[in-house]
Amino acid sequence: MARGKGGLGKSIALFILILILIFGGLLWFDYLGVIKAKRLFAPVYKLFGLEPQTSITATSSKPYTADLEDDRLAKRLEALDIRTEELDKRETDIATVEDQNEAIAKELDERKKSQDEREKTFENQVKRYDDRDKNIEKISSYLSSMPPKTAVDQLVAMDDQDVIDILRKTDEIAEATRTVSMTSTWLMYMPAERAAIINQKMSNKPASLD
């Protein structure tokens, strides 16, 4: 009987030890966060002033999430920098094109002004020639209506080129109206030296009207 009681006591002690080991293991694994038994062992933790580790606290994803946010922010900032550089380059290109267009417009404006001035000069020359031609024609008609000596007195007082133009216009009018030109008569009444100079210049056909 004593031996039976002793074996039973050992069995009970061994069973209690096993329970203690199991309880301790569960308590340790729960503390480490390997298993979830916080509710079961909460009184024990509070008794010893401990805070069990959980899978969330043990392997917190906050640092990883923070790294992802930092990477995204860095990529966004990099994209903004690239976009800013592109906009600055585009603005520079636009400014360059605008400067080129402004230079071309200025050059075209100067060419237009120069062309307008040439046209105005040409028109003035044409008008001047037309006015002179009309005046020469009037003088020719006026002199043709005078006595030859009186007409020659008027011609002698003029410049050689004016005399030449009047004589040529007189010949043109006579040819157009099929009448006798007074040119030869006027030259005949002119001083011989002056008449020779006029004849020589008419033969050379000077281009100048002045």
N, C-alpha and C. Protein backbone atom coordinates (compact mmCIF):
# COMPACT_ATOMS: atom_id res chain seq x y z
N MET A 1 0.83 -1.21 0.00
CA MET A 1 0.00 0.00 0.00
C MET A 1 0.85 1.23 0.00
N ALA A 2 1.92 1.22 0.76
CA ALA A 2 2.80 2.40 0.82
C ALA A 2 3.45 2.65 -0.52
N ARG A 3 3.82 1.51 -1.20
CA ARG A 3 4.44 1.68 -2.51
C ARG A 3 3.44 2.22 -3.49
N GLY A 4 2.16 1.81 -3.42
CA GLY A 4 1.12 2.32 -4.34
C GLY A 4 0.88 3.79 -4.13
N LYS A 5 0.88 4.21 -2.85
CA LYS A 5 0.68 5.61 -2.57
C LYS A 5 1.85 6.44 -3.06
N GLY A 6 3.05 5.87 -2.95
CA GLY A 6 4.23 6.61 -3.40
C GLY A 6 4.22 6.77 -4.92
N GLY A 7 3.78 5.72 -5.64
CA GLY A 7 3.72 5.83 -7.12
C GLY A 7 2.67 6.82 -7.56
N LEU A 8 1.58 6.86 -6.87
CA LEU A 8 0.51 7.81 -7.21
C LEU A 8 0.99 9.24 -6.97
N GLY A 9 1.72 9.43 -5.90
CA GLY A 9 2.23 10.77 -5.58
C GLY A 9 3.19 11.25 -6.66
N LYS A 10 4.06 10.29 -7.10
CA LYS A 10 5.00 10.66 -8.16
C LYS A 10 4.25 11.01 -9.45
N SER A 11 3.22 10.24 -9.76
CA SER A 11 2.44 10.50 -10.97
C SER A 11 1.79 11.88 -10.91
N ILE A 12 1.23 12.16 -9.70
CA ILE A 12 0.59 13.49 -9.54
C ILE A 12 1.61 14.59 -9.68
N ALA A 13 2.78 14.39 -9.07
CA ALA A 13 3.84 15.41 -9.15
C ALA A 13 4.31 15.59 -10.59
N LEU A 14 4.47 14.41 -11.29
CA LEU A 14 4.89 14.49 -12.69
C LEU A 14 3.86 15.19 -13.54
N PHE A 15 2.56 14.92 -13.26
CA PHE A 15 1.48 15.56 -14.01
C PHE A 15 1.46 17.07 -13.78
N ILE A 16 1.68 17.41 -12.51
CA ILE A 16 1.71 18.85 -12.18
C ILE A 16 2.88 19.54 -12.89
N LEU A 17 4.04 18.81 -12.90
CA LEU A 17 5.23 19.37 -13.57
C LEU A 17 4.96 19.58 -15.06
N ILE A 18 4.29 18.56 -15.64
CA ILE A 18 3.97 18.67 -17.07
C ILE A 18 3.05 19.87 -17.32
N LEU A 19 2.05 20.04 -16.43
CA LEU A 19 1.14 21.17 -16.57
C LEU A 19 1.88 22.50 -16.45
N ILE A 20 2.82 22.49 -15.48
CA ILE A 20 3.59 23.72 -15.29
C ILE A 20 4.41 24.03 -16.55
N LEU A 21 5.05 22.95 -17.09
CA LEU A 21 5.86 23.15 -18.30
C LEU A 21 4.98 23.62 -19.46
N ILE A 22 3.81 22.98 -19.59
CA ILE A 22 2.90 23.39 -20.67
C ILE A 22 2.44 24.82 -20.47
N PHE A 23 2.07 25.13 -19.27
CA PHE A 23 1.58 26.48 -18.96
C PHE A 23 2.71 27.50 -19.18
N GLY A 24 3.89 27.12 -18.74
CA GLY A 24 5.03 28.03 -18.92
C GLY A 24 5.36 28.22 -20.40
N GLY A 25 5.31 27.10 -21.14
CA GLY A 25 5.59 27.22 -22.58
C GLY A 25 4.57 28.09 -23.28
N LEU A 26 3.29 27.83 -22.94
CA LEU A 26 2.24 28.66 -23.56
C LEU A 26 2.41 30.13 -23.18
N LEU A 27 2.76 30.33 -21.88
CA LEU A 27 2.96 31.69 -21.42
C LEU A 27 4.11 32.37 -22.16
N TRP A 28 5.16 31.64 -22.38
CA TRP A 28 6.34 32.20 -23.08
C TRP A 28 6.05 32.46 -24.54
N PHE A 29 5.40 31.50 -25.20
CA PHE A 29 5.10 31.68 -26.62
C PHE A 29 4.09 32.82 -26.84
N ASP A 30 3.15 32.93 -25.86
CA ASP A 30 2.20 34.03 -25.98
C ASP A 30 2.91 35.37 -25.79
N TYR A 31 3.85 35.39 -24.86
CA TYR A 31 4.61 36.62 -24.62
C TYR A 31 5.42 37.01 -25.84
N LEU A 32 5.96 35.99 -26.50
CA LEU A 32 6.73 36.25 -27.72
C LEU A 32 5.84 36.59 -28.91
N GLY A 33 4.55 36.31 -28.77
CA GLY A 33 3.63 36.61 -29.87
C GLY A 33 3.52 35.49 -30.87
N VAL A 34 4.06 34.31 -30.55
CA VAL A 34 3.98 33.18 -31.47
C VAL A 34 2.56 32.65 -31.53
N ILE A 35 1.91 32.57 -30.38
CA ILE A 35 0.51 32.15 -30.30
C ILE A 35 -0.27 33.27 -29.64
N LYS A 36 -1.59 33.21 -29.76
CA LYS A 36 -2.45 34.22 -29.19
C LYS A 36 -3.19 33.63 -27.99
N ALA A 37 -2.75 33.99 -26.84
CA ALA A 37 -3.40 33.55 -25.60
C ALA A 37 -3.41 34.68 -24.60
N LYS A 38 -3.53 35.90 -25.12
CA LYS A 38 -3.46 37.07 -24.24
C LYS A 38 -4.60 37.07 -23.21
N ARG A 39 -5.79 36.74 -23.68
CA ARG A 39 -6.92 36.76 -22.75
C ARG A 39 -6.73 35.76 -21.61
N LEU A 40 -6.14 34.61 -21.96
CA LEU A 40 -5.95 33.56 -20.96
C LEU A 40 -4.91 33.97 -19.92
N PHE A 41 -3.84 34.62 -20.42
CA PHE A 41 -2.72 34.93 -19.52
C PHE A 41 -2.66 36.40 -19.15
N ALA A 42 -3.70 37.15 -19.46
CA ALA A 42 -3.69 38.58 -19.12
C ALA A 42 -3.52 38.81 -17.63
N PRO A 43 -4.21 38.07 -16.77
CA PRO A 43 -4.01 38.29 -15.33
C PRO A 43 -2.57 38.04 -14.89
N VAL A 44 -1.94 37.02 -15.53
CA VAL A 44 -0.56 36.70 -15.16
C VAL A 44 0.37 37.83 -15.56
N TYR A 45 0.14 38.38 -16.80
CA TYR A 45 0.98 39.48 -17.27
C TYR A 45 0.84 40.70 -16.36
N LYS A 46 -0.40 40.97 -15.98
CA LYS A 46 -0.63 42.12 -15.12
C LYS A 46 0.03 41.90 -13.74
N LEU A 47 0.02 40.64 -13.30
CA LEU A 47 0.61 40.34 -12.01
C LEU A 47 2.10 40.64 -12.00
N PHE A 48 2.77 40.31 -13.11
CA PHE A 48 4.22 40.53 -13.20
C PHE A 48 4.57 41.85 -13.89
N GLY A 49 3.56 42.61 -14.25
CA GLY A 49 3.82 43.92 -14.89
C GLY A 49 4.42 43.78 -16.27
N LEU A 50 4.06 42.77 -17.06
CA LEU A 50 4.61 42.52 -18.40
C LEU A 50 3.59 42.88 -19.46
N GLU A 51 4.11 43.10 -20.67
CA GLU A 51 3.24 43.38 -21.83
C GLU A 51 3.57 42.37 -22.91
N PRO A 52 2.62 41.54 -23.26
CA PRO A 52 2.92 40.48 -24.23
C PRO A 52 3.23 41.05 -25.60
N GLN A 53 4.15 40.38 -26.27
CA GLN A 53 4.47 40.72 -27.65
C GLN A 53 3.45 40.08 -28.58
N THR A 54 3.07 40.79 -29.58
CA THR A 54 2.13 40.27 -30.56
C THR A 54 2.82 40.23 -31.91
N SER A 55 2.19 39.53 -32.82
CA SER A 55 2.77 39.43 -34.16
C SER A 55 2.81 40.78 -34.83
N ILE A 56 1.85 41.67 -34.43
CA ILE A 56 1.80 42.99 -35.05
C ILE A 56 2.92 43.85 -34.53
N THR A 57 3.10 43.78 -33.11
CA THR A 57 4.14 44.60 -32.53
C THR A 57 5.51 44.03 -32.80
N ALA A 58 5.61 42.70 -32.87
CA ALA A 58 6.91 42.08 -33.09
C ALA A 58 7.39 42.33 -34.50
N THR A 59 6.50 42.28 -35.43
CA THR A 59 6.87 42.49 -36.84
C THR A 59 6.06 43.63 -37.39
N SER A 60 6.20 44.80 -36.79
CA SER A 60 5.40 45.96 -37.18
C SER A 60 5.69 46.34 -38.63
N SER A 61 4.62 46.69 -39.36
CA SER A 61 4.76 47.06 -40.77
C SER A 61 4.92 48.56 -40.95
N LYS A 62 4.95 49.31 -39.80
CA LYS A 62 5.05 50.76 -39.91
C LYS A 62 6.33 51.20 -40.58
N PRO A 63 7.51 50.66 -40.20
CA PRO A 63 8.73 51.09 -40.90
C PRO A 63 8.67 50.80 -42.39
N TYR A 64 8.15 49.65 -42.76
CA TYR A 64 8.07 49.30 -44.17
C TYR A 64 7.12 50.25 -44.92
N THR A 65 5.96 50.53 -44.26
CA THR A 65 5.01 51.46 -44.88
C THR A 65 5.62 52.84 -45.01
N ALA A 66 6.36 53.25 -43.98
CA ALA A 66 7.02 54.56 -44.02
C ALA A 66 8.03 54.62 -45.16
N ASP A 67 8.77 53.52 -45.35
CA ASP A 67 9.74 53.48 -46.45
C ASP A 67 9.03 53.60 -47.80
N LEU A 68 7.89 52.92 -47.93
CA LEU A 68 7.14 53.01 -49.19
C LEU A 68 6.66 54.43 -49.44
N GLU A 69 6.15 55.06 -48.37
CA GLU A 69 5.68 56.45 -48.52
C GLU A 69 6.82 57.38 -48.89
N ASP A 70 7.99 57.15 -48.27
CA ASP A 70 9.16 57.97 -48.59
C ASP A 70 9.58 57.77 -50.04
N ASP A 71 9.55 56.50 -50.49
CA ASP A 71 9.91 56.22 -51.89
C ASP A 71 8.94 56.88 -52.86
N ARG A 72 7.65 56.79 -52.54
CA ARG A 72 6.65 57.42 -53.40
C ARG A 72 6.83 58.93 -53.44
N LEU A 73 7.07 59.51 -52.26
CA LEU A 73 7.28 60.96 -52.20
C LEU A 73 8.52 61.37 -52.98
N ALA A 74 9.58 60.56 -52.84
CA ALA A 74 10.83 60.86 -53.57
C ALA A 74 10.60 60.77 -55.08
N LYS A 75 9.83 59.74 -55.50
CA LYS A 75 9.55 59.59 -56.93
C LYS A 75 8.69 60.75 -57.45
N ARG A 76 7.73 61.17 -56.63
CA ARG A 76 6.89 62.30 -57.04
C ARG A 76 7.72 63.58 -57.16
N LEU A 77 8.61 63.79 -56.18
CA LEU A 77 9.47 64.96 -56.23
C LEU A 77 10.40 64.91 -57.45
N GLU A 78 10.90 63.72 -57.74
CA GLU A 78 11.76 63.56 -58.92
C GLU A 78 10.98 63.83 -60.20
N ALA A 79 9.73 63.32 -60.25
CA ALA A 79 8.89 63.56 -61.42
C ALA A 79 8.59 65.05 -61.56
N LEU A 80 8.35 65.72 -60.43
CA LEU A 80 8.09 67.17 -60.47
C LEU A 80 9.32 67.92 -60.95
N ASP A 81 10.52 67.49 -60.49
CA ASP A 81 11.75 68.13 -60.95
C ASP A 81 11.93 67.96 -62.46
N ILE A 82 11.67 66.74 -62.94
CA ILE A 82 11.79 66.48 -64.37
C ILE A 82 10.78 67.32 -65.16
N ARG A 83 9.55 67.40 -64.65
CA ARG A 83 8.51 68.20 -65.31
C ARG A 83 8.90 69.67 -65.31
N THR A 84 9.46 70.13 -64.19
CA THR A 84 9.89 71.53 -64.12
C THR A 84 10.99 71.82 -65.12
N GLU A 85 11.95 70.89 -65.23
CA GLU A 85 13.02 71.06 -66.22
C GLU A 85 12.47 71.09 -67.64
N GLU A 86 11.49 70.21 -67.91
CA GLU A 86 10.88 70.19 -69.25
C GLU A 86 10.16 71.50 -69.54
N LEU A 87 9.43 72.00 -68.54
CA LEU A 87 8.71 73.27 -68.73
C LEU A 87 9.69 74.43 -68.91
N ASP A 88 10.78 74.42 -68.13
CA ASP A 88 11.79 75.48 -68.29
C ASP A 88 12.42 75.43 -69.67
N LYS A 89 12.72 74.21 -70.15
CA LYS A 89 13.32 74.08 -71.48
C LYS A 89 12.34 74.51 -72.56
N ARG A 90 11.06 74.12 -72.37
CA ARG A 90 10.04 74.52 -73.35
C ARG A 90 9.87 76.04 -73.35
N GLU A 91 9.91 76.63 -72.15
CA GLU A 91 9.79 78.09 -72.06
C GLU A 91 10.98 78.77 -72.74
N THR A 92 12.18 78.19 -72.54
CA THR A 92 13.37 78.73 -73.20
C THR A 92 13.26 78.61 -74.71
N ASP A 93 12.79 77.45 -75.19
CA ASP A 93 12.62 77.25 -76.63
C ASP A 93 11.60 78.23 -77.20
N ILE A 94 10.50 78.42 -76.47
CA ILE A 94 9.47 79.35 -76.93
C ILE A 94 10.03 80.77 -76.99
N ALA A 95 10.80 81.14 -75.96
CA ALA A 95 11.39 82.48 -75.95
C ALA A 95 12.36 82.64 -77.12
N THR A 96 13.13 81.59 -77.43
CA THR A 96 14.07 81.65 -78.55
C THR A 96 13.31 81.81 -79.87
N VAL A 97 12.24 81.03 -80.05
CA VAL A 97 11.43 81.14 -81.26
C VAL A 97 10.80 82.52 -81.38
N GLU A 98 10.31 83.05 -80.24
CA GLU A 98 9.71 84.39 -80.26
C GLU A 98 10.73 85.45 -80.65
N ASP A 99 11.96 85.30 -80.13
CA ASP A 99 13.02 86.24 -80.49
C ASP A 99 13.33 86.15 -81.99
N GLN A 100 13.38 84.92 -82.51
CA GLN A 100 13.65 84.74 -83.93
C GLN A 100 12.52 85.34 -84.77
N ASN A 101 11.28 85.08 -84.35
CA ASN A 101 10.14 85.64 -85.09
C ASN A 101 10.14 87.16 -85.04
N GLU A 102 10.50 87.70 -83.87
CA GLU A 102 10.55 89.16 -83.74
C GLU A 102 11.63 89.75 -84.64
N ALA A 103 12.79 89.05 -84.70
CA ALA A 103 13.87 89.52 -85.58
C ALA A 103 13.45 89.46 -87.04
N ILE A 104 12.76 88.36 -87.42
CA ILE A 104 12.29 88.23 -88.81
C ILE A 104 11.27 89.30 -89.12
N ALA A 105 10.33 89.53 -88.17
CA ALA A 105 9.31 90.56 -88.38
C ALA A 105 9.95 91.94 -88.52
N LYS A 106 10.97 92.19 -87.71
CA LYS A 106 11.66 93.48 -87.78
C LYS A 106 12.36 93.63 -89.13
N GLU A 107 13.00 92.55 -89.57
CA GLU A 107 13.69 92.59 -90.87
C GLU A 107 12.70 92.82 -92.00
N LEU A 108 11.55 92.10 -91.93
CA LEU A 108 10.53 92.27 -92.97
C LEU A 108 9.98 93.69 -92.96
N ASP A 109 9.81 94.24 -91.76
CA ASP A 109 9.31 95.61 -91.65
C ASP A 109 10.31 96.60 -92.25
N GLU A 110 11.60 96.37 -91.99
CA GLU A 110 12.61 97.25 -92.57
C GLU A 110 12.65 97.11 -94.09
N ARG A 111 12.50 95.87 -94.58
CA ARG A 111 12.47 95.67 -96.04
C ARG A 111 11.26 96.37 -96.65
N LYS A 112 10.12 96.27 -95.96
CA LYS A 112 8.92 96.92 -96.47
C LYS A 112 9.10 98.44 -96.52
N LYS A 113 9.70 98.98 -95.44
CA LYS A 113 9.94 100.43 -95.43
C LYS A 113 10.87 100.83 -96.56
N SER A 114 11.93 100.01 -96.76
CA SER A 114 12.87 100.31 -97.84
C SER A 114 12.19 100.23 -99.20
N GLN A 115 11.33 99.20 -99.36
CA GLN A 115 10.60 99.06 -100.62
C GLN A 115 9.63 100.23 -100.83
N ASP A 116 8.96 100.63 -99.75
CA ASP A 116 8.04 101.77 -99.85
C ASP A 116 8.80 103.04 -100.24
N GLU A 117 9.98 103.20 -99.66
CA GLU A 117 10.77 104.39 -99.98
C GLU A 117 11.21 104.36 -101.45
N ARG A 118 11.62 103.17 -101.93
CA ARG A 118 12.02 103.07 -103.35
C ARG A 118 10.84 103.36 -104.27
N GLU A 119 9.67 102.78 -103.89
CA GLU A 119 8.49 103.04 -104.71
C GLU A 119 8.12 104.52 -104.70
N LYS A 120 8.23 105.13 -103.51
CA LYS A 120 7.91 106.55 -103.41
C LYS A 120 8.88 107.37 -104.24
N THR A 121 10.17 107.01 -104.17
CA THR A 121 11.18 107.72 -104.96
C THR A 121 10.91 107.56 -106.44
N PHE A 122 10.56 106.34 -106.85
CA PHE A 122 10.28 106.09 -108.26
C PHE A 122 9.05 106.88 -108.70
N GLU A 123 8.01 106.87 -107.85
CA GLU A 123 6.80 107.62 -108.19
C GLU A 123 7.09 109.11 -108.30
N ASN A 124 7.94 109.59 -107.39
CA ASN A 124 8.31 111.02 -107.45
C ASN A 124 9.08 111.33 -108.73
N GLN A 125 9.96 110.39 -109.11
CA GLN A 125 10.72 110.60 -110.35
C GLN A 125 9.79 110.57 -111.56
N VAL A 126 8.84 109.61 -111.54
CA VAL A 126 7.90 109.54 -112.66
C VAL A 126 7.05 110.80 -112.71
N LYS A 127 6.58 111.21 -111.53
CA LYS A 127 5.76 112.43 -111.47
C LYS A 127 6.58 113.63 -111.92
N ARG A 128 7.81 113.67 -111.46
CA ARG A 128 8.69 114.77 -111.86
C ARG A 128 8.90 114.77 -113.36
N TYR A 129 9.11 113.57 -113.91
CA TYR A 129 9.30 113.49 -115.36
C TYR A 129 8.03 113.89 -116.11
N ASP A 130 6.88 113.39 -115.58
CA ASP A 130 5.61 113.74 -116.23
C ASP A 130 5.37 115.24 -116.18
N ASP A 131 5.63 115.81 -114.99
CA ASP A 131 5.44 117.25 -114.87
C ASP A 131 6.38 118.01 -115.79
N ARG A 132 7.63 117.56 -115.84
CA ARG A 132 8.60 118.23 -116.72
C ARG A 132 8.20 118.06 -118.18
N ASP A 133 7.75 116.85 -118.52
CA ASP A 133 7.36 116.60 -119.91
C ASP A 133 6.19 117.50 -120.31
N LYS A 134 5.24 117.64 -119.38
CA LYS A 134 4.10 118.51 -119.66
C LYS A 134 4.55 119.97 -119.80
N ASN A 135 5.46 120.37 -118.91
CA ASN A 135 5.96 121.75 -118.99
C ASN A 135 6.75 121.99 -120.29
N ILE A 136 7.56 121.01 -120.67
CA ILE A 136 8.32 121.15 -121.92
C ILE A 136 7.38 121.25 -123.12
N GLU A 137 6.33 120.42 -123.07
CA GLU A 137 5.36 120.47 -124.17
C GLU A 137 4.67 121.84 -124.23
N LYS A 138 4.32 122.39 -123.08
CA LYS A 138 3.69 123.71 -123.05
C LYS A 138 4.64 124.80 -123.57
N ILE A 139 5.91 124.72 -123.13
CA ILE A 139 6.90 125.70 -123.57
C ILE A 139 7.12 125.60 -125.08
N SER A 140 7.17 124.35 -125.57
CA SER A 140 7.36 124.15 -127.01
C SER A 140 6.21 124.77 -127.80
N SER A 141 4.99 124.51 -127.35
CA SER A 141 3.82 125.08 -128.04
C SER A 141 3.83 126.62 -127.94
N TYR A 142 4.24 127.12 -126.79
CA TYR A 142 4.28 128.58 -126.58
C TYR A 142 5.31 129.22 -127.50
N LEU A 143 6.52 128.61 -127.59
CA LEU A 143 7.57 129.17 -128.44
C LEU A 143 7.23 129.04 -129.92
N SER A 144 6.53 127.95 -130.27
CA SER A 144 6.19 127.75 -131.69
C SER A 144 5.21 128.81 -132.19
N SER A 145 4.48 129.39 -131.23
CA SER A 145 3.52 130.42 -131.63
C SER A 145 4.17 131.82 -131.72
N MET A 146 5.45 131.94 -131.32
CA MET A 146 6.16 133.22 -131.35
C MET A 146 6.91 133.40 -132.66
N PRO A 147 7.29 134.60 -132.96
CA PRO A 147 8.22 134.82 -134.07
C PRO A 147 9.53 134.10 -133.76
N PRO A 148 10.22 133.56 -134.76
CA PRO A 148 11.43 132.77 -134.52
C PRO A 148 12.48 133.51 -133.72
N LYS A 149 12.76 134.77 -134.00
CA LYS A 149 13.80 135.50 -133.27
C LYS A 149 13.41 135.66 -131.80
N THR A 150 12.15 135.95 -131.54
CA THR A 150 11.69 136.08 -130.15
C THR A 150 11.81 134.75 -129.41
N ALA A 151 11.46 133.67 -130.09
CA ALA A 151 11.57 132.34 -129.48
C ALA A 151 13.03 132.00 -129.19
N VAL A 152 13.92 132.39 -130.12
CA VAL A 152 15.35 132.10 -129.92
C VAL A 152 15.89 132.89 -128.74
N ASP A 153 15.45 134.11 -128.56
CA ASP A 153 15.89 134.88 -127.41
C ASP A 153 15.51 134.17 -126.11
N GLN A 154 14.34 133.55 -126.09
CA GLN A 154 13.93 132.79 -124.90
C GLN A 154 14.79 131.53 -124.72
N LEU A 155 15.09 130.85 -125.82
CA LEU A 155 15.88 129.61 -125.75
C LEU A 155 17.32 129.88 -125.32
N VAL A 156 17.90 130.95 -125.82
CA VAL A 156 19.30 131.25 -125.49
C VAL A 156 19.47 131.48 -124.00
N ALA A 157 18.45 131.96 -123.34
CA ALA A 157 18.54 132.22 -121.89
C ALA A 157 18.38 130.95 -121.06
N MET A 158 18.06 129.83 -121.69
CA MET A 158 17.85 128.58 -120.96
C MET A 158 19.11 127.74 -120.92
N ASP A 159 19.09 126.70 -120.04
CA ASP A 159 20.19 125.73 -120.00
C ASP A 159 20.18 124.89 -121.26
N ASP A 160 21.34 124.29 -121.56
CA ASP A 160 21.46 123.48 -122.77
C ASP A 160 20.47 122.30 -122.75
N GLN A 161 20.36 121.63 -121.59
CA GLN A 161 19.48 120.46 -121.52
C GLN A 161 18.02 120.85 -121.72
N ASP A 162 17.63 122.00 -121.17
CA ASP A 162 16.26 122.47 -121.37
C ASP A 162 16.01 122.76 -122.85
N VAL A 163 16.98 123.39 -123.50
CA VAL A 163 16.85 123.70 -124.93
C VAL A 163 16.72 122.42 -125.74
N ILE A 164 17.56 121.42 -125.40
CA ILE A 164 17.52 120.14 -126.12
C ILE A 164 16.17 119.47 -125.94
N ASP A 165 15.66 119.45 -124.73
CA ASP A 165 14.35 118.82 -124.48
C ASP A 165 13.24 119.54 -125.25
N ILE A 166 13.30 120.88 -125.29
CA ILE A 166 12.27 121.64 -126.02
C ILE A 166 12.35 121.36 -127.51
N LEU A 167 13.56 121.31 -128.04
CA LEU A 167 13.71 121.04 -129.48
C LEU A 167 13.20 119.63 -129.82
N ARG A 168 13.51 118.65 -128.99
CA ARG A 168 13.05 117.28 -129.26
C ARG A 168 11.53 117.18 -129.13
N LYS A 169 10.99 117.84 -128.11
CA LYS A 169 9.53 117.82 -127.96
C LYS A 169 8.85 118.51 -129.14
N THR A 170 9.48 119.58 -129.65
CA THR A 170 8.92 120.28 -130.82
C THR A 170 8.92 119.37 -132.04
N ASP A 171 9.99 118.58 -132.20
CA ASP A 171 10.04 117.63 -133.33
C ASP A 171 8.96 116.56 -133.17
N GLU A 172 8.76 116.07 -131.93
CA GLU A 172 7.74 115.04 -131.68
C GLU A 172 6.34 115.57 -132.02
N ILE A 173 6.06 116.79 -131.57
CA ILE A 173 4.73 117.38 -131.83
C ILE A 173 4.52 117.57 -133.32
N ALA A 174 5.55 118.07 -134.02
CA ALA A 174 5.44 118.29 -135.45
C ALA A 174 5.22 116.99 -136.20
N GLU A 175 5.91 115.93 -135.74
CA GLU A 175 5.74 114.62 -136.39
C GLU A 175 4.34 114.08 -136.13
N ALA A 176 3.85 114.26 -134.89
CA ALA A 176 2.52 113.75 -134.55
C ALA A 176 1.42 114.51 -135.28
N THR A 177 1.62 115.82 -135.47
CA THR A 177 0.60 116.65 -136.14
C THR A 177 0.86 116.84 -137.62
N ARG A 178 1.98 116.23 -138.08
CA ARG A 178 2.37 116.32 -139.48
C ARG A 178 2.48 117.79 -139.95
N THR A 179 3.18 118.54 -139.11
CA THR A 179 3.46 119.94 -139.43
C THR A 179 4.96 120.14 -139.49
N VAL A 180 5.37 121.34 -139.92
CA VAL A 180 6.80 121.65 -140.03
C VAL A 180 7.33 122.02 -138.65
N SER A 181 8.45 121.39 -138.23
CA SER A 181 9.06 121.69 -136.95
C SER A 181 9.86 122.99 -137.04
N MET A 182 9.85 123.73 -135.95
CA MET A 182 10.58 125.00 -135.89
C MET A 182 12.01 124.81 -135.39
N THR A 183 12.45 123.60 -135.18
CA THR A 183 13.76 123.33 -134.59
C THR A 183 14.89 123.89 -135.45
N SER A 184 14.88 123.56 -136.72
CA SER A 184 15.95 124.03 -137.62
C SER A 184 15.97 125.56 -137.73
N THR A 185 14.81 126.19 -137.71
CA THR A 185 14.74 127.66 -137.79
C THR A 185 15.31 128.30 -136.55
N TRP A 186 14.97 127.71 -135.38
CA TRP A 186 15.50 128.27 -134.13
C TRP A 186 17.02 128.13 -134.07
N LEU A 187 17.52 126.97 -134.49
CA LEU A 187 18.98 126.77 -134.49
C LEU A 187 19.67 127.74 -135.45
N MET A 188 19.01 128.05 -136.53
CA MET A 188 19.59 128.96 -137.53
C MET A 188 19.73 130.38 -136.95
N TYR A 189 18.77 130.81 -136.13
CA TYR A 189 18.82 132.14 -135.53
C TYR A 189 19.68 132.20 -134.26
N MET A 190 20.10 131.06 -133.76
CA MET A 190 20.93 131.04 -132.56
C MET A 190 22.36 131.44 -132.92
N PRO A 191 23.11 131.95 -131.92
CA PRO A 191 24.54 132.15 -132.16
C PRO A 191 25.18 130.85 -132.61
N ALA A 192 26.11 130.95 -133.57
CA ALA A 192 26.69 129.74 -134.18
C ALA A 192 27.34 128.83 -133.15
N GLU A 193 28.06 129.41 -132.19
CA GLU A 193 28.76 128.59 -131.19
C GLU A 193 27.76 127.84 -130.31
N ARG A 194 26.70 128.51 -129.90
CA ARG A 194 25.69 127.88 -129.05
C ARG A 194 24.93 126.82 -129.83
N ALA A 195 24.63 127.10 -131.09
CA ALA A 195 23.93 126.12 -131.92
C ALA A 195 24.77 124.88 -132.13
N ALA A 196 26.10 125.05 -132.26
CA ALA A 196 27.00 123.90 -132.45
C ALA A 196 27.00 123.03 -131.20
N ILE A 197 27.03 123.66 -130.04
CA ILE A 197 27.03 122.90 -128.79
C ILE A 197 25.72 122.12 -128.63
N ILE A 198 24.62 122.79 -128.97
CA ILE A 198 23.31 122.11 -128.85
C ILE A 198 23.24 120.92 -129.80
N ASN A 199 23.70 121.12 -131.04
CA ASN A 199 23.67 120.03 -132.03
C ASN A 199 24.55 118.87 -131.58
N GLN A 200 25.70 119.17 -131.00
CA GLN A 200 26.61 118.12 -130.54
C GLN A 200 25.98 117.32 -129.41
N LYS A 201 25.38 118.01 -128.49
CA LYS A 201 24.75 117.30 -127.36
C LYS A 201 23.54 116.48 -127.81
N MET A 202 22.79 117.02 -128.76
CA MET A 202 21.65 116.24 -129.27
C MET A 202 22.10 114.99 -129.98
N SER A 203 23.24 115.07 -130.65
CA SER A 203 23.78 113.90 -131.35
C SER A 203 24.26 112.85 -130.36
N ASN A 204 24.79 113.29 -129.25
CA ASN A 204 25.28 112.33 -128.23
C ASN A 204 24.13 111.72 -127.42
N LYS A 205 22.92 112.29 -127.54
CA LYS A 205 21.74 111.78 -126.85
C LYS A 205 21.99 111.61 -125.34
N PRO A 206 22.19 112.70 -124.62
CA PRO A 206 22.45 112.59 -123.18
C PRO A 206 21.24 112.00 -122.45
N ALA A 207 21.54 111.17 -121.50
CA ALA A 207 20.43 110.51 -120.75
C ALA A 207 19.89 111.39 -119.66
N SER A 208 20.71 112.27 -119.12
CA SER A 208 20.27 113.11 -118.01
C SER A 208 19.26 114.14 -118.46
N LEU A 209 18.29 114.39 -117.57
CA LEU A 209 17.29 115.43 -117.86
C LEU A 209 17.64 116.72 -117.16
N ASP A 210 18.71 116.69 -116.31
CA ASP A 210 19.07 117.88 -115.56
C ASP A 210 20.15 118.70 -116.30
